[in-house]
Amino acid sequence: MLVAPQVVHGGARDPERAATIYRTAVPASGYSHAEIVRIFRLLTLYVYGNAGSIGQFDLKTMRAAEAELIKRNLVQHSRPTSTFYTNALTHRNYVR
C-alpha cells in the first residue's frame, strides 16, 4: 500500500504525528506506534540526513551504500545510480 508523500515527509519533521497518520492509513501494518515512530526517526537520521529537501537522494551517499553492498557480496556489480534512485518526488528529475 502506498502512503501519501506528506506522511513520509512529515515523519522527518514530526515522527509522532506521522506515526499516528500512518497507523490510521495502514492499520494492518503489524507495527506498534512506537515502532513506527522509531522507523520515521531512523529514516530521518540515516536516509534523509542533511538532504536539502526531504526525500531528495544524495548521490555520494547512494554510491557509498552501493559500494558497501558490493563489498559484502550482496550486489555483484555497480549500476548507474540514476537507474534505481530518483528525486522525481521532490520535483527534480536528477540525483544530486
Protein backbone atom coordinates (compact mmCIF):
# COMPACT_ATOMS: atom_id res chain seq x y z
CA MET A 1 0.00 0.00 0.00
CA LEU A 2 1.27 3.45 -0.87
CA VAL A 3 1.29 6.13 1.79
CA ALA A 4 0.96 9.79 0.90
CA PRO A 5 4.33 11.54 0.49
CA GLN A 6 3.20 14.10 3.07
CA VAL A 7 3.27 11.36 5.72
CA VAL A 8 6.82 10.37 4.82
CA HIS A 9 7.98 13.98 4.62
CA GLY A 10 6.12 14.83 7.82
CA GLY A 11 7.79 11.88 9.51
CA ALA A 12 11.11 13.64 9.33
CA ARG A 13 9.65 16.74 10.94
CA ASP A 14 7.23 15.15 13.42
CA PRO A 15 7.65 11.37 13.78
CA GLU A 16 4.93 11.08 16.45
CA ARG A 17 2.26 12.70 14.28
CA ALA A 18 3.41 10.82 11.17
CA ALA A 19 3.18 7.53 13.06
CA THR A 20 -0.39 8.32 14.09
CA ILE A 21 -1.33 9.13 10.49
CA TYR A 22 0.43 6.00 9.22
CA ARG A 23 -1.35 3.72 11.72
CA THR A 24 -4.68 5.22 10.67
CA ALA A 25 -3.86 4.73 6.97
CA VAL A 26 -2.35 1.25 7.36
CA PRO A 27 -3.89 -0.34 10.47
CA ALA A 28 -2.87 -3.85 9.40
CA SER A 29 0.83 -3.00 9.14
CA GLY A 30 1.60 -5.05 12.24
CA TYR A 31 3.83 -2.33 13.70
CA SER A 32 3.16 -0.66 17.03
CA HIS A 33 3.03 3.13 17.29
CA ALA A 34 6.44 3.14 18.99
CA GLU A 35 7.95 1.02 16.20
CA ILE A 36 6.60 3.34 13.52
CA VAL A 37 7.95 6.40 15.36
CA ARG A 38 11.34 4.67 15.52
CA ILE A 39 11.21 3.89 11.78
CA PHE A 40 10.48 7.53 10.93
CA ARG A 41 13.31 8.69 13.21
CA LEU A 42 15.73 6.22 11.60
CA LEU A 43 14.66 7.37 8.13
CA THR A 44 15.38 10.95 9.15
CA LEU A 45 18.76 10.06 10.60
CA TYR A 46 20.06 7.57 8.05
CA VAL A 47 18.18 8.22 4.80
CA TYR A 48 17.21 11.87 4.63
CA GLY A 49 20.06 13.15 6.81
CA ASN A 50 21.26 16.53 5.66
CA ALA A 51 19.36 16.49 2.38
CA GLY A 52 18.48 19.99 1.25
CA SER A 53 14.97 18.79 0.55
CA ILE A 54 13.40 15.91 2.43
CA GLY A 55 13.11 12.94 0.12
CA GLN A 56 15.94 14.09 -2.12
CA PHE A 57 18.67 11.49 -2.57
CA ASP A 58 22.33 12.38 -2.24
CA LEU A 59 24.42 10.74 -4.97
CA LYS A 60 27.54 10.45 -2.78
CA THR A 61 25.60 8.60 -0.07
CA MET A 62 23.91 6.30 -2.59
CA ARG A 63 27.25 5.40 -4.17
CA ALA A 64 28.79 4.70 -0.74
CA ALA A 65 25.86 2.43 0.12
CA GLU A 66 26.22 0.58 -3.17
CA ALA A 67 29.97 0.14 -2.60
CA GLU A 68 29.25 -1.39 0.80
CA LEU A 69 26.74 -3.82 -0.74
CA ILE A 70 29.30 -4.86 -3.35
CA LYS A 71 31.98 -5.28 -0.67
CA ARG A 72 29.66 -7.60 1.29
CA ASN A 73 28.83 -9.56 -1.89
CA LEU A 74 25.16 -8.61 -1.66
CA VAL A 75 25.38 -6.94 -5.07
CA GLN A 76 27.67 -8.25 -7.79
CA HIS A 77 28.37 -5.12 -9.80
CA SER A 78 27.77 -1.41 -9.93
CA ARG A 79 25.00 0.21 -11.98
CA PRO A 80 24.32 3.86 -12.74
CA THR A 81 22.69 5.19 -9.58
CA SER A 82 20.08 7.10 -11.57
CA THR A 83 18.57 3.78 -12.72
CA PHE A 84 17.31 2.92 -9.26
CA TYR A 85 17.10 6.21 -7.33
CA THR A 86 15.19 9.28 -8.33
CA ASN A 87 14.39 12.70 -6.99
CA ALA A 88 11.17 12.80 -9.01
CA LEU A 89 9.12 13.00 -5.80
CA THR A 90 10.91 16.25 -4.98
CA HIS A 91 10.04 17.55 -8.46
CA ARG A 92 13.63 17.17 -9.64
CA ASN A 93 14.48 14.56 -12.27
CA TYR A 94 18.07 14.04 -11.23
CA VAL A 95 20.06 12.54 -8.40
CA ARG A 96 22.26 15.01 -6.51
